[in-house]
Each structure stands twice: as structure tokens, then as C-alpha cells.
């Protein structure tokens, strides 16, 4: 369970970083 939640949290963080970078590029 913890490992799954950890992976999900990492994916969310990565998605947020990608979104911020894309917004900065635009």
C-alpha cells in the first residue's frame, strides 16, 4: 500500500513539474 501511494505521489509531483515547465515555456 505505502509503495503504491508513494508511486502515485511521485507521479503527481512529476506531473506538476511538467505542467509548470510547460506553462513557463508558453
PDB file of N, CA and C in Angstrom:
ATOM      1  N   UNK A   1       0.845  -1.215   0.000  1.00  0.00           N
ATOM      2  CA  UNK A   1       0.000   0.000   0.000  1.00  0.00           C
ATOM      3  C   UNK A   1       0.871   1.252   0.000  1.00  0.00           C
ATOM      4  N   UNK A   2       1.786   1.310   0.960  1.00  0.00           N
ATOM      5  CA  UNK A   2       2.623   2.509   1.052  1.00  0.00           C
ATOM      6  C   UNK A   2       3.411   2.726  -0.239  1.00  0.00           C
ATOM      7  N   UNK A   3       3.912   1.625  -0.803  1.00  0.00           N
ATOM      8  CA  UNK A   3       4.701   1.760  -2.037  1.00  0.00           C
ATOM      9  C   UNK A   3       3.843   2.337  -3.158  1.00  0.00           C
ATOM     10  N   UNK A   4       2.597   1.873  -3.243  1.00  0.00           N
ATOM     11  CA  UNK A   4       1.691   2.369  -4.293  1.00  0.00           C
ATOM     12  C   UNK A   4       1.414   3.857  -4.080  1.00  0.00           C
ATOM     13  N   UNK A   5       1.102   4.221  -2.845  1.00  0.00           N
ATOM     14  CA  UNK A   5       0.814   5.634  -2.554  1.00  0.00           C
ATOM     15  C   UNK A   5       2.048   6.473  -2.859  1.00  0.00           C
ATOM     16  N   UNK A   6       3.218   5.929  -2.533  1.00  0.00           N
ATOM     17  CA  UNK A   6       4.460   6.666  -2.782  1.00  0.00           C
ATOM     18  C   UNK A   6       4.637   6.902  -4.279  1.00  0.00           C
ATOM     19  N   UNK A   7       4.363   5.852  -5.069  1.00  0.00           N
ATOM     20  CA  UNK A   7       4.497   5.986  -6.525  1.00  0.00           C
ATOM     21  C   UNK A   7       3.517   7.016  -7.054  1.00  0.00           C
ATOM     22  N   UNK A   8       2.287   6.980  -6.547  1.00  0.00           N
ATOM     23  CA  UNK A   8       1.271   7.936  -7.005  1.00  0.00           C
ATOM     24  C   UNK A   8       1.710   9.357  -6.671  1.00  0.00           C
ATOM     25  N   UNK A   9       2.248   9.542  -5.471  1.00  0.00           N
ATOM     26  CA  UNK A   9       2.682  10.882  -5.052  1.00  0.00           C
ATOM     27  C   UNK A   9       3.804  11.367  -5.966  1.00  0.00           C
ATOM     28  N   UNK A  10       4.722  10.472  -6.303  1.00  0.00           N
ATOM     29  CA  UNK A  10       5.828  10.852  -7.182  1.00  0.00           C
ATOM     30  C   UNK A  10       5.293  11.222  -8.561  1.00  0.00           C
ATOM     31  N   UNK A  11       4.318  10.454  -9.050  1.00  0.00           N
ATOM     32  CA  UNK A  11       3.740  10.749 -10.368  1.00  0.00           C
ATOM     33  C   UNK A  11       3.073  12.117 -10.347  1.00  0.00           C
ATOM     34  N   UNK A  12       2.369  12.417  -9.248  1.00  0.00           N
ATOM     35  CA  UNK A  12       1.686  13.709  -9.142  1.00  0.00           C
ATOM     36  C   UNK A  12       2.716  14.832  -9.143  1.00  0.00           C
ATOM     37  N   UNK A  13       3.807  14.635  -8.412  1.00  0.00           N
ATOM     38  CA  UNK A  13       4.852  15.668  -8.352  1.00  0.00           C
ATOM     39  C   UNK A  13       5.446  15.882  -9.732  1.00  0.00           C
ATOM     40  N   UNK A  14       5.733  14.788 -10.427  1.00  0.00           N
ATOM     41  CA  UNK A  14       6.299  14.894 -11.777  1.00  0.00           C
ATOM     42  C   UNK A  14       5.335  15.624 -12.705  1.00  0.00           C
ATOM     43  N   UNK A  15       4.060  15.298 -12.601  1.00  0.00           N
ATOM     44  CA  UNK A  15       3.055  15.927 -13.459  1.00  0.00           C
ATOM     45  C   UNK A  15       3.006  17.426 -13.180  1.00  0.00           C
ATOM     46  N   UNK A  16       3.071  17.786 -11.893  1.00  0.00           N
ATOM     47  CA  UNK A  16       3.030  19.211 -11.540  1.00  0.00           C
ATOM     48  C   UNK A  16       4.249  19.923 -12.109  1.00  0.00           C
ATOM     49  N   UNK A  17       5.418  19.294 -11.985  1.00  0.00           N
ATOM     50  CA  UNK A  17       6.639  19.912 -12.504  1.00  0.00           C
ATOM     51  C   UNK A  17       6.538  20.086 -14.014  1.00  0.00           C
ATOM     52  N   UNK A  18       6.030  19.066 -14.702  1.00  0.00           N
ATOM     53  CA  UNK A  18       5.885  19.140 -16.161  1.00  0.00           C
ATOM     54  C   UNK A  18       4.912  20.246 -16.537  1.00  0.00           C
ATOM     55  N   UNK A  19       3.824  20.358 -15.787  1.00  0.00           N
ATOM     56  CA  UNK A  19       2.830  21.391 -16.067  1.00  0.00           C
ATOM     57  C   UNK A  19       3.439  22.773 -15.885  1.00  0.00           C
ATOM     58  N   UNK A  20       4.214  22.938 -14.819  1.00  0.00           N
ATOM     59  CA  UNK A  20       4.834  24.243 -14.562  1.00  0.00           C
ATOM     60  C   UNK A  20       5.823  24.581 -15.673  1.00  0.00           C
ATOM     61  N   UNK A  21       6.625  23.593 -16.067  1.00  0.00           N
ATOM     62  CA  UNK A  21       7.621  23.832 -17.112  1.00  0.00           C
ATOM     63  C   UNK A  21       6.929  24.191 -18.425  1.00  0.00           C
ATOM     64  N   UNK A  22       5.848  23.489 -18.744  1.00  0.00           N
ATOM     65  CA  UNK A  22       5.127  23.761 -19.995  1.00  0.00           C
ATOM     66  C   UNK A  22       4.545  25.170 -19.951  1.00  0.00           C
ATOM     67  N   UNK A  23       4.023  25.563 -18.787  1.00  0.00           N
ATOM     68  CA  UNK A  23       3.442  26.903 -18.662  1.00  0.00           C
ATOM     69  C   UNK A  23       4.542  27.948 -18.826  1.00  0.00           C
ATOM     70  N   UNK A  24       5.716  27.664 -18.265  1.00  0.00           N
ATOM     71  CA  UNK A  24       6.821  28.612 -18.376  1.00  0.00           C
ATOM     72  C   UNK A  24       7.230  28.768 -19.838  1.00  0.00           C
ATOM     73  N   UNK A  25       7.254  27.652 -20.568  1.00  0.00           N
ATOM     74  CA  UNK A  25       7.643  27.709 -21.979  1.00  0.00           C
ATOM     75  C   UNK A  25       6.654  28.560 -22.761  1.00  0.00           C
ATOM     76  N   UNK A  26       5.385  28.415 -22.440  1.00  0.00           N
ATOM     77  CA  UNK A  26       4.367  29.194 -23.146  1.00  0.00           C
ATOM     78  C   UNK A  26       4.452  30.642 -22.675  1.00  0.00           C
TER      79      UNK A  26
END
